[in-house]
Amino acid sequence: MRLSPVSEQPWIFFDCSGARDAPVPIWVGGHGEDDRYALPSIGELVVIWIELIEIGAHAVDDSGAWKDTDWDLVPERVQQLGVF
């Protein structure tokens, strides 16, 4: 079973087919692409998302809505993973 926590591309999928207590691998994909493995667990995905918030790549405006991603701040390794 795969669950997708986002509705925009690149899509991020949680691979829930493993053992009940096992880490849940993260896969990414988009239209016209094969899905590809990105990270070994949801925990590692959350760490990256926190990093993007801390460096200011992901931010909210005064109303609490997400601003556009500041791509100049997103590390190359994260852009290559496709988990932003």
N, C-alpha and C. Protein backbone atom coordinates (compact mmCIF):
# COMPACT_ATOMS: atom_id res chain seq x y z
N MET A 1 0.85 -1.17 0.00
CA MET A 1 0.00 0.00 0.00
C MET A 1 0.89 1.24 0.00
N ARG A 2 0.50 2.22 -0.80
CA ARG A 2 1.23 3.49 -0.82
C ARG A 2 0.28 4.61 -0.44
N LEU A 3 0.77 5.50 0.39
CA LEU A 3 0.02 6.68 0.78
C LEU A 3 0.78 7.90 0.31
N SER A 4 0.05 8.89 -0.18
CA SER A 4 0.69 10.12 -0.65
C SER A 4 0.22 11.29 0.20
N PRO A 5 1.14 11.91 0.97
CA PRO A 5 0.75 13.01 1.85
C PRO A 5 0.63 14.37 1.15
N VAL A 6 1.01 14.45 -0.12
CA VAL A 6 0.92 15.71 -0.86
C VAL A 6 0.19 15.47 -2.17
N SER A 7 -0.46 16.50 -2.68
CA SER A 7 -1.22 16.36 -3.92
C SER A 7 -0.54 17.03 -5.11
N GLU A 8 0.60 17.67 -4.86
CA GLU A 8 1.31 18.36 -5.93
C GLU A 8 2.54 17.57 -6.33
N GLN A 9 3.02 17.80 -7.54
CA GLN A 9 4.24 17.13 -7.99
C GLN A 9 5.46 17.86 -7.50
N PRO A 10 6.56 17.21 -7.24
CA PRO A 10 6.69 15.76 -7.32
C PRO A 10 5.90 15.11 -6.19
N TRP A 11 5.25 14.00 -6.50
CA TRP A 11 4.49 13.28 -5.49
C TRP A 11 5.44 12.54 -4.58
N ILE A 12 5.09 12.50 -3.33
CA ILE A 12 5.84 11.76 -2.32
C ILE A 12 4.94 10.63 -1.86
N PHE A 13 5.49 9.42 -1.86
CA PHE A 13 4.72 8.25 -1.45
C PHE A 13 5.35 7.60 -0.24
N PHE A 14 4.50 7.17 0.71
CA PHE A 14 4.93 6.36 1.83
C PHE A 14 4.68 4.91 1.44
N ASP A 15 5.71 4.08 1.44
CA ASP A 15 5.58 2.66 1.09
C ASP A 15 5.25 1.87 2.36
N CYS A 16 3.98 1.58 2.53
CA CYS A 16 3.51 0.93 3.75
C CYS A 16 3.45 -0.58 3.63
N SER A 17 4.18 -1.15 2.69
CA SER A 17 4.11 -2.59 2.45
C SER A 17 5.03 -3.40 3.36
N GLY A 18 5.87 -2.75 4.14
CA GLY A 18 6.81 -3.46 5.00
C GLY A 18 6.17 -3.98 6.27
N ALA A 19 7.02 -4.52 7.13
CA ALA A 19 6.56 -5.04 8.41
C ALA A 19 5.95 -3.91 9.26
N ARG A 20 5.07 -4.28 10.13
CA ARG A 20 4.33 -3.30 10.93
C ARG A 20 5.22 -2.31 11.68
N ASP A 21 6.32 -2.77 12.25
CA ASP A 21 7.19 -1.91 13.04
C ASP A 21 8.42 -1.43 12.27
N ALA A 22 8.48 -1.70 10.98
CA ALA A 22 9.64 -1.32 10.16
C ALA A 22 9.54 0.14 9.72
N PRO A 23 10.67 0.78 9.45
CA PRO A 23 10.63 2.13 8.87
C PRO A 23 9.85 2.11 7.55
N VAL A 24 9.22 3.23 7.25
CA VAL A 24 8.41 3.36 6.03
C VAL A 24 9.23 4.12 4.98
N PRO A 25 9.68 3.43 3.93
CA PRO A 25 10.48 4.10 2.89
C PRO A 25 9.68 5.17 2.15
N ILE A 26 10.40 6.16 1.65
CA ILE A 26 9.80 7.26 0.89
C ILE A 26 10.20 7.12 -0.57
N TRP A 27 9.22 7.23 -1.44
CA TRP A 27 9.42 7.20 -2.89
C TRP A 27 8.89 8.51 -3.46
N VAL A 28 9.41 8.95 -4.59
CA VAL A 28 8.92 10.15 -5.27
C VAL A 28 8.65 9.83 -6.73
N GLY A 29 7.79 10.63 -7.35
CA GLY A 29 7.49 10.46 -8.77
C GLY A 29 6.66 11.60 -9.28
N GLY A 30 6.42 11.60 -10.57
CA GLY A 30 5.62 12.63 -11.21
C GLY A 30 5.11 12.12 -12.55
N HIS A 31 4.29 12.91 -13.20
CA HIS A 31 3.78 12.53 -14.52
C HIS A 31 4.93 12.24 -15.46
N GLY A 32 4.86 11.11 -16.15
CA GLY A 32 5.87 10.76 -17.14
C GLY A 32 7.17 10.25 -16.55
N GLU A 33 7.21 10.01 -15.24
CA GLU A 33 8.41 9.50 -14.58
C GLU A 33 8.10 8.17 -13.90
N ASP A 34 9.10 7.34 -13.79
CA ASP A 34 8.98 6.16 -12.94
C ASP A 34 9.19 6.61 -11.50
N ASP A 35 8.42 6.01 -10.58
CA ASP A 35 8.65 6.31 -9.16
C ASP A 35 10.06 5.86 -8.80
N ARG A 36 10.69 6.62 -7.88
CA ARG A 36 12.04 6.24 -7.46
C ARG A 36 12.18 6.40 -5.96
N TYR A 37 13.01 5.53 -5.41
CA TYR A 37 13.31 5.53 -3.98
C TYR A 37 14.02 6.83 -3.62
N ALA A 38 13.64 7.44 -2.49
CA ALA A 38 14.28 8.69 -2.06
C ALA A 38 14.93 8.57 -0.68
N LEU A 39 14.19 8.05 0.30
CA LEU A 39 14.69 8.02 1.68
C LEU A 39 14.23 6.74 2.37
N PRO A 40 14.96 6.32 3.42
CA PRO A 40 14.59 5.09 4.10
C PRO A 40 13.44 5.19 5.11
N SER A 41 13.03 6.44 5.46
CA SER A 41 11.97 6.52 6.48
C SER A 41 11.27 7.88 6.48
N ILE A 42 10.07 7.89 7.04
CA ILE A 42 9.33 9.14 7.23
C ILE A 42 10.12 10.07 8.15
N GLY A 43 10.79 9.51 9.15
CA GLY A 43 11.59 10.33 10.06
C GLY A 43 12.64 11.14 9.33
N GLU A 44 13.33 10.52 8.37
CA GLU A 44 14.34 11.26 7.60
C GLU A 44 13.70 12.33 6.73
N LEU A 45 12.49 12.08 6.23
CA LEU A 45 11.77 13.09 5.46
C LEU A 45 11.44 14.29 6.34
N VAL A 46 10.97 14.03 7.54
CA VAL A 46 10.62 15.11 8.47
C VAL A 46 11.86 15.94 8.81
N VAL A 47 13.00 15.28 9.01
CA VAL A 47 14.24 16.01 9.30
C VAL A 47 14.57 16.97 8.16
N ILE A 48 14.41 16.53 6.92
CA ILE A 48 14.68 17.41 5.77
C ILE A 48 13.70 18.56 5.74
N TRP A 49 12.41 18.28 5.97
CA TRP A 49 11.42 19.36 5.96
C TRP A 49 11.72 20.39 7.06
N ILE A 50 12.13 19.92 8.24
CA ILE A 50 12.50 20.85 9.31
C ILE A 50 13.69 21.70 8.88
N GLU A 51 14.68 21.07 8.26
CA GLU A 51 15.84 21.81 7.77
C GLU A 51 15.41 22.91 6.80
N LEU A 52 14.49 22.60 5.88
CA LEU A 52 14.04 23.59 4.91
C LEU A 52 13.32 24.76 5.58
N ILE A 53 12.60 24.48 6.64
CA ILE A 53 11.95 25.56 7.40
C ILE A 53 12.99 26.39 8.13
N GLU A 54 13.94 25.72 8.77
CA GLU A 54 14.96 26.44 9.54
C GLU A 54 15.85 27.34 8.68
N ILE A 55 16.14 26.93 7.44
CA ILE A 55 16.99 27.76 6.58
C ILE A 55 16.18 28.79 5.80
N GLY A 56 14.85 28.76 5.94
CA GLY A 56 14.00 29.76 5.29
C GLY A 56 13.54 29.41 3.90
N ALA A 57 13.83 28.21 3.42
CA ALA A 57 13.38 27.81 2.09
C ALA A 57 11.86 27.64 2.05
N HIS A 58 11.31 27.10 3.14
CA HIS A 58 9.86 27.01 3.32
C HIS A 58 9.48 27.99 4.42
N ALA A 59 8.53 28.85 4.16
CA ALA A 59 8.12 29.85 5.15
C ALA A 59 6.64 30.16 4.96
N VAL A 60 6.05 30.76 5.98
CA VAL A 60 4.65 31.18 5.90
C VAL A 60 4.58 32.70 5.94
N ASP A 61 3.49 33.22 5.38
CA ASP A 61 3.28 34.67 5.44
C ASP A 61 2.53 35.03 6.73
N ASP A 62 2.18 36.28 6.89
CA ASP A 62 1.52 36.74 8.11
C ASP A 62 0.18 36.06 8.37
N SER A 63 -0.46 35.58 7.31
CA SER A 63 -1.76 34.91 7.48
C SER A 63 -1.61 33.42 7.77
N GLY A 64 -0.37 32.91 7.71
CA GLY A 64 -0.13 31.50 7.97
C GLY A 64 -0.10 30.63 6.73
N ALA A 65 -0.27 31.24 5.55
CA ALA A 65 -0.23 30.48 4.30
C ALA A 65 1.21 30.27 3.87
N TRP A 66 1.48 29.10 3.26
CA TRP A 66 2.84 28.83 2.79
C TRP A 66 3.21 29.77 1.66
N LYS A 67 4.40 30.32 1.72
CA LYS A 67 4.95 31.13 0.63
C LYS A 67 5.56 30.18 -0.41
N ASP A 68 5.84 30.72 -1.60
CA ASP A 68 6.54 29.93 -2.60
C ASP A 68 7.92 29.54 -2.05
N THR A 69 8.37 28.36 -2.44
CA THR A 69 9.68 27.88 -2.00
C THR A 69 10.78 28.79 -2.54
N ASP A 70 11.73 29.13 -1.69
CA ASP A 70 12.91 29.90 -2.12
C ASP A 70 13.96 28.90 -2.59
N TRP A 71 13.97 28.64 -3.90
CA TRP A 71 14.82 27.59 -4.48
C TRP A 71 16.30 27.87 -4.31
N ASP A 72 16.67 29.11 -4.15
CA ASP A 72 18.08 29.43 -3.93
C ASP A 72 18.58 28.88 -2.59
N LEU A 73 17.67 28.63 -1.67
CA LEU A 73 18.04 28.13 -0.34
C LEU A 73 17.95 26.61 -0.21
N VAL A 74 17.30 25.95 -1.16
CA VAL A 74 17.14 24.49 -1.08
C VAL A 74 18.45 23.82 -1.49
N PRO A 75 19.06 23.05 -0.57
CA PRO A 75 20.33 22.39 -0.92
C PRO A 75 20.17 21.47 -2.14
N GLU A 76 21.22 21.38 -2.93
CA GLU A 76 21.20 20.55 -4.14
C GLU A 76 20.83 19.11 -3.82
N ARG A 77 21.35 18.57 -2.72
CA ARG A 77 21.06 17.17 -2.38
C ARG A 77 19.56 16.97 -2.16
N VAL A 78 18.86 17.96 -1.60
CA VAL A 78 17.42 17.87 -1.38
C VAL A 78 16.68 18.00 -2.70
N GLN A 79 17.14 18.91 -3.57
CA GLN A 79 16.51 19.03 -4.89
C GLN A 79 16.62 17.71 -5.66
N GLN A 80 17.76 17.05 -5.55
CA GLN A 80 17.94 15.77 -6.25
C GLN A 80 17.05 14.68 -5.68
N LEU A 81 16.79 14.71 -4.38
CA LEU A 81 15.92 13.72 -3.77
C LEU A 81 14.47 13.92 -4.19
N GLY A 82 14.06 15.17 -4.44
CA GLY A 82 12.69 15.46 -4.84
C GLY A 82 11.69 15.40 -3.71
N VAL A 83 12.12 15.68 -2.48
CA VAL A 83 11.23 15.56 -1.32
C VAL A 83 10.89 16.92 -0.70
N PHE A 84 10.85 17.95 -1.49
CA PHE A 84 10.64 19.29 -0.95
C PHE A 84 9.19 19.65 -0.99
